[in-house]
């Protein structure tokens, strides 16, 4: 092998005229191999793009024996001349001169042969599914969206704030949390009254994996002004729906001096920015998913970024649903926590635009949401999308110390003096929201199951890989 700097497939295909006529060095995995007794064609992919680079092996130069293990899934190193392709489907190809085989994949055992595989089957081999075109596209889009999130907030002057993964508090009051302990499960220490003696545990108190970084995020906002968190969160709900995971990533900005309207403005600007970023930087991957999985994907993404979001009070939304004539699975009435079918009706059928639903009944929302003057509703806001339903949930936070104390007492919540200090010392109006990252990726990729937009999904009875 000559001393030539390796080029990625993406480099060569994005600027073919720059490298045409020169010797190139490429490495990757074999997608397919075909040919006849004179020539063999190999589609080589290195993960840098959805597209593969055609490698041409002239059998007057390479023996059949030397190519015997160049099969689907094998990894190879090739040097050769990049030339204009004579066939259809590609602009350039490499006329191979040198070949090095790194690793083989026995066709009798390799599970990703050139045929259609169900998404359910691919979940069983999640350690290999990133090698498929579909999951390569999904994971590149996931990367682009993560980068866009950091860029958006950084450019707006927000600070990236790291919140703890292990916590004593339950932000949402859901109770479905994964406990963290070093106590021996086979012989738990007990107090005199028979309860578990957590004083002997590592932290000296019951602790769990976090369901949200919001409460700690508020602490950051009341010092730094505007912050955002972006990290893993965990919920132990026994849910097997295509919209829920036990381990997922959340983006949670918190902003001092923002009211609920500022909050909604930011949420709309943010999510449009992320979708536009994906449309601009992931064209090939999105086009592939549009062509193979969801023919309406690109139109739906453009539909979101090109339309203003409707801002609708919950009370008006319930009235629209009650008068719709639709036969919903779940009943609709004032005070009900709207189901996905209700949310999607408002977005897809009634307004035909994304909807921001506001001013929910206080009974169905979290303790920290600011109480409206009517004493019945809170300044919450949810962003509703086509196909997904709720994609963002947020609110103006209750900054009044006495009102917040009353709400916590009303709900029977334990004291959190560290949290209340933000209302006790220099309180300010502030707001924030949470976006489930996988739900955003689900929307942008057009995939139907949230387990297919994270590399290694965690859900009930599954913690493989």
Protein backbone atom coordinates (compact mmCIF):
# COMPACT_ATOMS: atom_id res chain seq x y z
CA UNK A 1 0.00 0.00 0.00
CA UNK A 2 1.21 3.50 -0.85
CA UNK A 3 1.39 6.29 1.70
CA UNK A 4 -1.82 8.14 0.70
CA UNK A 5 -4.07 10.03 3.11
CA UNK A 6 -7.41 8.32 3.48
CA UNK A 7 -10.50 10.08 2.11
CA UNK A 8 -14.01 9.42 3.39
CA UNK A 9 -16.72 8.36 0.98
CA UNK A 10 -18.51 11.61 1.75
CA UNK A 11 -15.46 13.66 0.73
CA UNK A 12 -15.09 11.89 -2.59
CA UNK A 13 -18.78 11.98 -3.50
CA UNK A 14 -19.34 15.59 -2.42
CA UNK A 15 -16.38 16.94 -4.44
CA UNK A 16 -15.81 14.40 -7.25
CA UNK A 17 -14.17 16.91 -9.62
CA UNK A 18 -11.57 17.77 -6.97
CA UNK A 19 -10.28 14.20 -6.74
CA UNK A 20 -11.14 12.74 -10.16
CA UNK A 21 -8.10 11.36 -11.94
CA UNK A 22 -6.07 10.99 -8.74
CA UNK A 23 -5.13 8.00 -6.63
CA UNK A 24 -7.29 7.70 -3.54
CA UNK A 25 -7.29 5.65 -0.35
CA UNK A 26 -10.66 4.48 1.02
CA UNK A 27 -11.74 2.21 3.86
CA UNK A 28 -15.13 0.89 4.83
CA UNK A 29 -17.60 -1.97 4.94
CA UNK A 30 -18.95 -3.88 1.96
CA UNK A 31 -22.63 -3.24 1.35
CA UNK A 32 -22.98 -5.41 -1.76
CA UNK A 33 -20.90 -7.23 -4.35
CA UNK A 34 -21.92 -8.18 -7.88
CA UNK A 35 -20.31 -8.75 -11.25
CA UNK A 36 -19.26 -11.31 -13.83
CA UNK A 37 -16.17 -13.31 -14.84
CA UNK A 38 -14.35 -10.16 -15.98
CA UNK A 39 -15.14 -7.56 -13.35
CA UNK A 40 -16.57 -7.29 -9.83
CA UNK A 41 -18.37 -4.26 -8.38
CA UNK A 42 -18.36 -3.57 -4.64
CA UNK A 43 -20.49 -0.91 -2.92
CA UNK A 44 -18.34 0.49 -0.11
CA UNK A 45 -19.76 2.52 2.77
CA UNK A 46 -17.83 4.03 5.69
CA UNK A 47 -20.71 5.63 7.61
CA UNK A 48 -19.88 9.18 6.56
CA UNK A 49 -22.88 9.34 4.20
CA UNK A 50 -25.94 7.36 3.19
CA UNK A 51 -24.36 6.88 -0.23
CA UNK A 52 -21.86 4.16 -1.11
CA UNK A 53 -18.80 4.39 -3.33
CA UNK A 54 -18.46 1.87 -6.14
CA UNK A 55 -15.16 -0.02 -6.21
CA UNK A 56 -14.33 -1.79 -9.48
CA UNK A 57 -12.12 -4.89 -9.30
CA UNK A 58 -10.73 -5.94 -12.70
CA UNK A 59 -10.33 -9.72 -12.56
CA UNK A 60 -7.28 -9.53 -14.79
CA UNK A 61 -5.61 -7.85 -11.82
CA UNK A 62 -7.35 -9.54 -8.89
CA UNK A 63 -7.98 -13.28 -8.63
CA UNK A 64 -11.31 -14.74 -7.56
CA UNK A 65 -9.50 -16.25 -4.58
CA UNK A 66 -8.26 -12.84 -3.39
CA UNK A 67 -11.83 -11.53 -3.48
CA UNK A 68 -13.40 -14.60 -1.91
CA UNK A 69 -13.95 -12.99 1.50
CA UNK A 70 -15.03 -9.60 0.13
CA UNK A 71 -18.67 -10.17 1.07
CA UNK A 72 -21.46 -8.11 2.61
CA UNK A 73 -20.32 -6.91 6.03
CA UNK A 74 -16.60 -7.40 5.44
CA UNK A 75 -14.29 -4.43 6.02
CA UNK A 76 -11.67 -3.54 3.41
CA UNK A 77 -8.96 -1.02 2.55
CA UNK A 78 -8.64 -0.04 -1.11
CA UNK A 79 -6.31 2.18 -3.09
CA UNK A 80 -6.96 3.04 -6.70
CA UNK A 81 -7.78 5.64 -9.33
CA UNK A 82 -10.94 7.74 -8.92
CA UNK A 83 -12.54 8.03 -12.37
CA UNK A 84 -15.83 9.08 -13.90
CA UNK A 85 -18.25 6.18 -13.72
CA UNK A 86 -19.39 4.51 -16.92
CA UNK A 87 -22.48 2.99 -15.29
CA UNK A 88 -25.66 4.44 -13.87
CA UNK A 89 -26.25 5.31 -10.23
CA UNK A 90 -22.95 7.01 -9.42
CA UNK A 91 -20.85 9.86 -10.78
CA UNK A 92 -17.44 8.43 -9.89
CA UNK A 93 -15.94 5.08 -8.99
CA UNK A 94 -12.60 3.70 -7.88
CA UNK A 95 -10.63 1.43 -10.17
CA UNK A 96 -8.97 -0.74 -7.55
CA UNK A 97 -5.22 -1.25 -7.63
CA UNK A 98 -4.51 -2.46 -4.09
CA UNK A 99 -6.70 -4.38 -1.63
CA UNK A 100 -6.32 -5.12 2.08
CA UNK A 101 -8.98 -7.09 3.92
CA UNK A 102 -9.39 -6.05 7.55
CA UNK A 103 -12.24 -8.28 8.70
CA UNK A 104 -14.50 -10.85 7.10
CA UNK A 105 -18.20 -11.55 7.60
CA UNK A 106 -19.25 -15.11 6.84
CA UNK A 107 -22.44 -14.84 4.72
CA UNK A 108 -23.80 -17.93 6.46
CA UNK A 109 -23.69 -16.16 9.84
CA UNK A 110 -23.83 -12.41 9.14
CA UNK A 111 -27.43 -11.33 9.89
CA UNK A 112 -27.48 -8.21 7.67
CA UNK A 113 -27.58 -9.70 4.21
CA UNK A 114 -28.96 -7.75 1.24
CA UNK A 115 -32.65 -8.21 1.88
CA UNK A 116 -35.41 -6.46 3.73
CA UNK A 117 -35.29 -6.72 7.53
CA UNK A 118 -38.15 -5.72 9.81
CA UNK A 119 -37.52 -2.99 12.36
CA UNK A 120 -38.59 -5.45 15.07
CA UNK A 121 -35.85 -7.88 13.98
CA UNK A 122 -33.27 -5.11 13.87
CA UNK A 123 -34.08 -4.16 17.49
CA UNK A 124 -32.95 -7.66 18.44
CA UNK A 125 -29.54 -6.95 16.87
CA UNK A 126 -29.22 -3.31 17.93
CA UNK A 127 -25.44 -3.75 18.08
CA UNK A 128 -25.39 -4.25 14.29
CA UNK A 129 -28.32 -2.19 13.07
CA UNK A 130 -26.31 1.09 12.84
CA UNK A 131 -24.64 -0.52 9.80
CA UNK A 132 -27.90 -0.49 7.85
CA UNK A 133 -28.79 2.42 5.58
CA UNK A 134 -31.86 3.21 7.68
CA UNK A 135 -30.14 3.44 11.03
CA UNK A 136 -27.08 5.12 9.61
CA UNK A 137 -29.41 7.85 8.36
CA UNK A 138 -31.26 8.09 11.69
CA UNK A 139 -28.05 8.33 13.72
CA UNK A 140 -26.49 10.97 11.48
CA UNK A 141 -29.68 13.04 11.79
CA UNK A 142 -29.61 12.51 15.55
CA UNK A 143 -26.06 13.87 15.64
CA UNK A 144 -27.00 16.90 13.54
CA UNK A 145 -29.94 17.72 15.79
CA UNK A 146 -27.79 17.44 18.93
CA UNK A 147 -25.25 19.81 17.39
CA UNK A 148 -28.02 22.20 16.32
CA UNK A 149 -29.37 22.32 19.89
CA UNK A 150 -26.02 23.33 21.34
CA UNK A 151 -25.43 25.85 18.54
CA UNK A 152 -28.87 27.44 18.93
CA UNK A 153 -28.55 28.04 22.65
CA UNK A 154 -24.88 29.03 22.53
CA UNK A 155 -25.56 31.60 19.81
CA UNK A 156 -28.38 33.07 21.93
CA UNK A 157 -26.11 33.49 24.95
CA UNK A 158 -27.40 30.56 27.00
CA UNK A 159 -25.08 28.57 29.27
CA UNK A 160 -24.90 24.78 29.16
CA UNK A 161 -25.69 23.72 32.73
CA UNK A 162 -25.03 20.21 34.00
CA UNK A 163 -27.67 18.88 36.40
CA UNK A 164 -27.28 15.72 38.54
CA UNK A 165 -28.34 12.27 37.38
CA UNK A 166 -28.71 11.02 40.96
CA UNK A 167 -31.24 12.91 43.07
CA UNK A 168 -33.43 12.81 46.17
CA UNK A 169 -36.24 14.79 44.48
CA UNK A 170 -38.98 13.74 42.08
CA UNK A 171 -39.52 16.76 39.82
CA UNK A 172 -42.79 15.60 38.29
CA UNK A 173 -44.28 13.87 41.33
CA UNK A 174 -44.76 10.76 39.20
CA UNK A 175 -43.18 8.32 41.61
CA UNK A 176 -41.95 6.12 38.74
CA UNK A 177 -38.23 6.40 39.36
CA UNK A 178 -35.28 4.00 39.30
CA UNK A 179 -33.81 3.70 42.77
CA UNK A 180 -30.05 4.03 43.25
CA UNK A 181 -28.60 2.14 46.20
CA UNK A 182 -25.54 0.29 47.44
CA UNK A 183 -27.51 -1.58 50.11
CA UNK A 184 -27.42 -5.39 49.81
CA UNK A 185 -30.71 -6.44 48.24
CA UNK A 186 -30.52 -9.92 49.72
CA UNK A 187 -30.33 -8.59 53.29
CA UNK A 188 -31.55 -5.00 53.60
CA UNK A 189 -30.73 -3.23 56.87
CA UNK A 190 -33.85 -2.31 58.84
CA UNK A 191 -34.75 0.27 61.45
CA UNK A 192 -36.50 -0.70 64.69
CA UNK A 193 -39.89 -0.11 63.06
CA UNK A 194 -39.04 -2.41 60.14
CA UNK A 195 -38.41 0.20 57.43
CA UNK A 196 -35.31 0.16 55.25
CA UNK A 197 -32.49 1.95 57.06
CA UNK A 198 -31.28 4.36 54.40
CA UNK A 199 -28.88 5.97 56.82
CA UNK A 200 -26.60 3.04 55.96
CA UNK A 201 -26.92 3.68 52.22
CA UNK A 202 -24.23 5.46 50.20
CA UNK A 203 -25.92 8.88 50.28
CA UNK A 204 -27.63 8.35 53.63
CA UNK A 205 -31.09 8.82 52.09
CA UNK A 206 -33.31 7.29 49.39
CA UNK A 207 -31.99 8.36 45.98
CA UNK A 208 -33.05 7.73 42.39
CA UNK A 209 -32.08 8.42 38.81
CA UNK A 210 -33.44 11.79 37.73
CA UNK A 211 -36.65 12.22 35.74
CA UNK A 212 -35.77 15.84 34.93
CA UNK A 213 -33.06 18.43 35.46
CA UNK A 214 -35.59 21.26 35.63
CA UNK A 215 -35.53 22.08 39.33
CA UNK A 216 -31.75 22.32 39.39
CA UNK A 217 -31.94 24.19 36.08
CA UNK A 218 -34.02 26.85 37.79
CA UNK A 219 -31.20 27.32 40.28
CA UNK A 220 -28.83 27.96 37.39
CA UNK A 221 -31.19 30.39 35.69
CA UNK A 222 -31.52 32.50 38.83
CA UNK A 223 -27.77 33.00 38.78
CA UNK A 224 -26.70 32.89 35.12
CA UNK A 225 -29.85 34.30 33.50
CA UNK A 226 -30.46 31.76 30.74
CA UNK A 227 -29.30 28.16 30.87
CA UNK A 228 -30.11 24.88 29.18
CA UNK A 229 -29.59 21.27 30.18
CA UNK A 230 -29.13 18.40 27.73
CA UNK A 231 -28.68 15.01 29.27
CA UNK A 232 -30.15 11.58 29.99
CA UNK A 233 -33.25 11.16 32.15
CA UNK A 234 -34.96 8.02 33.43
CA UNK A 235 -38.53 6.94 34.11
CA UNK A 236 -39.56 3.56 35.47
CA UNK A 237 -43.07 3.56 34.03
CA UNK A 238 -44.13 0.13 32.81
CA UNK A 239 -45.02 1.54 29.40
CA UNK A 240 -44.62 -0.30 26.11
CA UNK A 241 -46.00 2.34 23.76
CA UNK A 242 -44.12 3.49 20.63
CA UNK A 243 -43.70 6.92 22.30
CA UNK A 244 -42.01 5.98 25.59
CA UNK A 245 -38.53 4.92 26.70
CA UNK A 246 -37.14 4.18 30.15
CA UNK A 247 -33.92 6.05 29.35
CA UNK A 248 -34.06 9.11 27.13
CA UNK A 249 -32.46 12.52 26.64
CA UNK A 250 -34.04 15.83 27.57
CA UNK A 251 -33.33 19.44 26.62
CA UNK A 252 -34.55 21.82 29.32
CA UNK A 253 -33.88 25.55 29.01
CA UNK A 254 -34.68 27.80 31.96
CA UNK A 255 -34.79 31.58 31.60
CA UNK A 256 -34.87 34.28 34.26
CA UNK A 257 -37.16 37.26 33.48
CA UNK A 258 -39.14 35.30 30.83
CA UNK A 259 -42.92 35.15 31.06
CA UNK A 260 -45.03 32.47 29.40
CA UNK A 261 -45.24 34.40 26.12
CA UNK A 262 -41.46 34.78 25.96
CA UNK A 263 -41.29 31.06 26.67
CA UNK A 264 -43.58 30.22 23.76
CA UNK A 265 -41.63 32.51 21.42
CA UNK A 266 -38.41 30.74 22.32
CA UNK A 267 -39.91 27.25 21.98
CA UNK A 268 -41.24 27.98 18.49
CA UNK A 269 -37.99 29.59 17.33
CA UNK A 270 -35.95 26.73 18.81
CA UNK A 271 -37.81 23.84 17.27
CA UNK A 272 -38.02 25.50 13.86
CA UNK A 273 -34.28 26.14 13.99
CA UNK A 274 -33.54 22.48 14.72
CA UNK A 275 -35.76 21.20 11.92
CA UNK A 276 -34.32 23.71 9.44
CA UNK A 277 -30.82 22.67 10.46
CA UNK A 278 -31.63 19.04 9.70
CA UNK A 279 -33.21 19.94 6.35
CA UNK A 280 -30.11 21.94 5.40
CA UNK A 281 -27.44 19.52 6.65
CA UNK A 282 -29.01 16.06 6.29
CA UNK A 283 -30.57 16.28 2.82
CA UNK A 284 -29.48 12.83 1.61
CA UNK A 285 -30.47 11.04 4.80
CA UNK A 286 -33.87 12.74 5.02
CA UNK A 287 -34.50 12.08 1.33
CA UNK A 288 -33.68 8.39 1.85
CA UNK A 289 -36.13 8.12 4.75
CA UNK A 290 -38.73 10.05 2.76
CA UNK A 291 -38.36 7.64 -0.17
CA UNK A 292 -38.28 4.41 1.84
CA UNK A 293 -40.40 5.00 4.97
CA UNK A 294 -42.58 8.09 4.88
CA UNK A 295 -43.45 9.74 1.57
CA UNK A 296 -44.82 12.80 3.37
CA UNK A 297 -41.80 13.37 5.63
CA UNK A 298 -40.19 16.31 3.83
CA UNK A 299 -43.53 18.03 3.25
CA UNK A 300 -44.40 17.62 6.94
CA UNK A 301 -41.07 19.09 8.08
CA UNK A 302 -41.50 22.07 5.77
CA UNK A 303 -45.11 22.43 6.95
CA UNK A 304 -43.88 22.96 10.52
CA UNK A 305 -41.13 25.47 9.76
CA UNK A 306 -43.19 27.49 7.28
CA UNK A 307 -46.27 28.02 9.49
CA UNK A 308 -46.81 30.09 12.62
CA UNK A 309 -47.88 27.97 15.58
CA UNK A 310 -51.46 28.45 16.80
CA UNK A 311 -51.68 29.64 20.41
CA UNK A 312 -54.80 28.19 21.96
CA UNK A 313 -56.11 28.25 25.55
CA UNK A 314 -56.93 24.80 26.90
CA UNK A 315 -60.56 25.81 27.53
CA UNK A 316 -61.04 26.73 23.85
CA UNK A 317 -59.29 23.54 22.78
CA UNK A 318 -61.67 21.41 24.86
CA UNK A 319 -64.65 23.24 23.36
CA UNK A 320 -63.39 22.54 19.82
CA UNK A 321 -62.94 18.86 20.67
CA UNK A 322 -66.37 18.57 22.30
CA UNK A 323 -68.04 20.14 19.26
CA UNK A 324 -65.97 18.22 16.68
CA UNK A 325 -68.32 15.29 16.26
CA UNK A 326 -65.31 12.95 16.42
CA UNK A 327 -65.60 9.64 18.25
CA UNK A 328 -62.55 9.67 20.49
CA UNK A 329 -61.36 6.64 22.43
CA UNK A 330 -60.85 8.76 25.54
CA UNK A 331 -63.54 11.18 26.79
CA UNK A 332 -63.10 14.94 26.47
CA UNK A 333 -64.22 17.32 29.20
CA UNK A 334 -62.86 20.37 30.98
CA UNK A 335 -60.30 19.12 33.49
CA UNK A 336 -59.24 16.08 31.47
CA UNK A 337 -55.59 15.54 30.61
CA UNK A 338 -55.81 15.47 26.82
CA UNK A 339 -54.71 12.28 25.08
CA UNK A 340 -52.56 12.08 21.96
CA UNK A 341 -55.66 11.57 19.79
CA UNK A 342 -57.10 14.86 21.03
CA UNK A 343 -53.86 16.73 20.49
CA UNK A 344 -53.43 15.34 16.98
CA UNK A 345 -57.02 16.24 16.05
CA UNK A 346 -56.36 19.88 16.90
CA UNK A 347 -53.13 19.90 14.88
CA UNK A 348 -53.91 17.67 11.92
CA UNK A 349 -57.61 18.17 11.32
CA UNK A 350 -58.82 21.39 12.89
CA UNK A 351 -56.00 23.94 12.57
CA UNK A 352 -53.70 22.02 10.20
CA UNK A 353 -50.79 23.71 11.95
CA UNK A 354 -48.71 23.06 15.10
CA UNK A 355 -50.56 24.19 18.20
CA UNK A 356 -49.39 25.66 21.49
CA UNK A 357 -51.96 24.79 24.13
CA UNK A 358 -51.94 27.09 27.17
CA UNK A 359 -53.63 27.75 30.53
CA UNK A 360 -54.30 24.21 31.73
CA UNK A 361 -56.33 23.32 34.83
CA UNK A 362 -53.97 23.34 37.80
CA UNK A 363 -55.07 19.84 38.87
CA UNK A 364 -53.45 18.18 35.85
CA UNK A 365 -50.19 20.12 35.89
CA UNK A 366 -47.09 20.18 38.08
CA UNK A 367 -46.81 22.11 41.35
CA UNK A 368 -44.24 24.59 40.02
CA UNK A 369 -46.41 26.11 37.28
CA UNK A 370 -47.53 29.70 37.92
CA UNK A 371 -51.12 30.06 39.01
CA UNK A 372 -53.29 32.34 36.88
CA UNK A 373 -55.47 35.04 38.45
CA UNK A 374 -58.56 32.83 38.09
CA UNK A 375 -57.06 30.44 40.68
CA UNK A 376 -58.08 27.50 38.48
CA UNK A 377 -55.54 27.42 35.68
CA UNK A 378 -51.78 27.67 35.36
CA UNK A 379 -49.48 29.28 32.81
CA UNK A 380 -48.44 26.02 31.23
CA UNK A 381 -47.82 25.57 27.53
CA UNK A 382 -47.51 22.39 25.45
CA UNK A 383 -46.38 22.32 21.82
CA UNK A 384 -48.40 19.84 19.76
CA UNK A 385 -47.13 18.39 16.48
CA UNK A 386 -48.62 16.27 13.71
CA UNK A 387 -48.19 12.51 14.26
CA UNK A 388 -46.37 13.05 17.57
CA UNK A 389 -48.85 14.97 19.71
CA UNK A 390 -47.05 16.73 22.56
CA UNK A 391 -43.40 17.36 21.74
CA UNK A 392 -42.63 20.18 24.22
CA UNK A 393 -44.03 20.85 27.67
CA UNK A 394 -43.28 23.99 29.64
CA UNK A 395 -44.58 26.84 31.74
CA UNK A 396 -43.93 30.07 33.51
CA UNK A 397 -42.75 28.98 36.95
CA UNK A 398 -44.42 30.09 40.16
CA UNK A 399 -42.03 32.69 41.62
CA UNK A 400 -44.22 33.71 44.59
CA UNK A 401 -42.92 32.03 47.75
CA UNK A 402 -46.24 31.88 49.59
CA UNK A 403 -48.23 30.62 46.59
CA UNK A 404 -45.64 27.91 45.88
CA UNK A 405 -45.68 26.82 49.54
CA UNK A 406 -49.46 26.53 49.41
CA UNK A 407 -49.34 24.46 46.23
CA UNK A 408 -46.80 22.06 47.72
CA UNK A 409 -48.82 21.71 50.93
CA UNK A 410 -51.97 21.15 48.88
CA UNK A 411 -50.26 18.26 47.08
CA UNK A 412 -48.68 16.84 50.23
CA UNK A 413 -45.17 17.35 48.94
CA UNK A 414 -42.05 17.21 51.08
CA UNK A 415 -40.14 20.40 51.80
CA UNK A 416 -37.36 21.36 49.39
CA UNK A 417 -35.66 24.29 51.15
CA UNK A 418 -32.89 24.48 48.54
CA UNK A 419 -35.53 24.97 45.82
CA UNK A 420 -37.60 27.42 47.85
CA UNK A 421 -34.54 29.59 48.46
CA UNK A 422 -34.79 30.79 44.84
CA UNK A 423 -38.17 32.32 45.78
CA UNK A 424 -36.96 33.48 49.17
CA UNK A 425 -33.85 35.33 48.04
CA UNK A 426 -34.21 37.61 45.03
CA UNK A 427 -37.07 35.85 43.28
CA UNK A 428 -37.80 36.77 39.64
CA UNK A 429 -40.36 35.81 37.01
CA UNK A 430 -38.89 32.88 35.09
CA UNK A 431 -39.94 30.22 32.62
CA UNK A 432 -38.74 27.09 30.91
CA UNK A 433 -39.70 24.04 28.92
CA UNK A 434 -38.63 20.49 28.24
CA UNK A 435 -38.17 18.75 24.91
CA UNK A 436 -37.75 15.00 24.74
CA UNK A 437 -34.86 14.64 22.32
CA UNK A 438 -35.99 11.27 20.98
CA UNK A 439 -39.42 12.71 20.16
CA UNK A 440 -37.73 15.40 18.09
CA UNK A 441 -35.61 12.79 16.30
CA UNK A 442 -38.75 10.69 15.80
CA UNK A 443 -40.49 13.61 14.11
CA UNK A 444 -37.55 14.62 11.90
CA UNK A 445 -36.81 11.05 10.73
CA UNK A 446 -40.42 9.95 10.25
CA UNK A 447 -39.79 6.73 12.16
CA UNK A 448 -42.83 5.24 13.87
CA UNK A 449 -41.31 3.84 17.07
CA UNK A 450 -39.18 5.77 19.52
CA UNK A 451 -37.06 2.65 20.07
CA UNK A 452 -35.71 3.16 16.57
CA UNK A 453 -34.22 6.63 17.09
CA UNK A 454 -31.81 5.85 19.96
CA UNK A 455 -28.85 3.50 19.48
CA UNK A 456 -29.64 1.14 22.35
CA UNK A 457 -33.22 1.52 23.63
CA UNK A 458 -34.16 0.80 27.22
CA UNK A 459 -37.74 -0.26 27.94
CA UNK A 460 -39.53 -2.75 30.20
CA UNK A 461 -37.86 -6.17 30.17
CA UNK A 462 -35.12 -4.95 27.84
CA UNK A 463 -31.68 -3.72 28.81
CA UNK A 464 -29.57 -5.54 26.23
CA UNK A 465 -26.30 -4.26 24.77
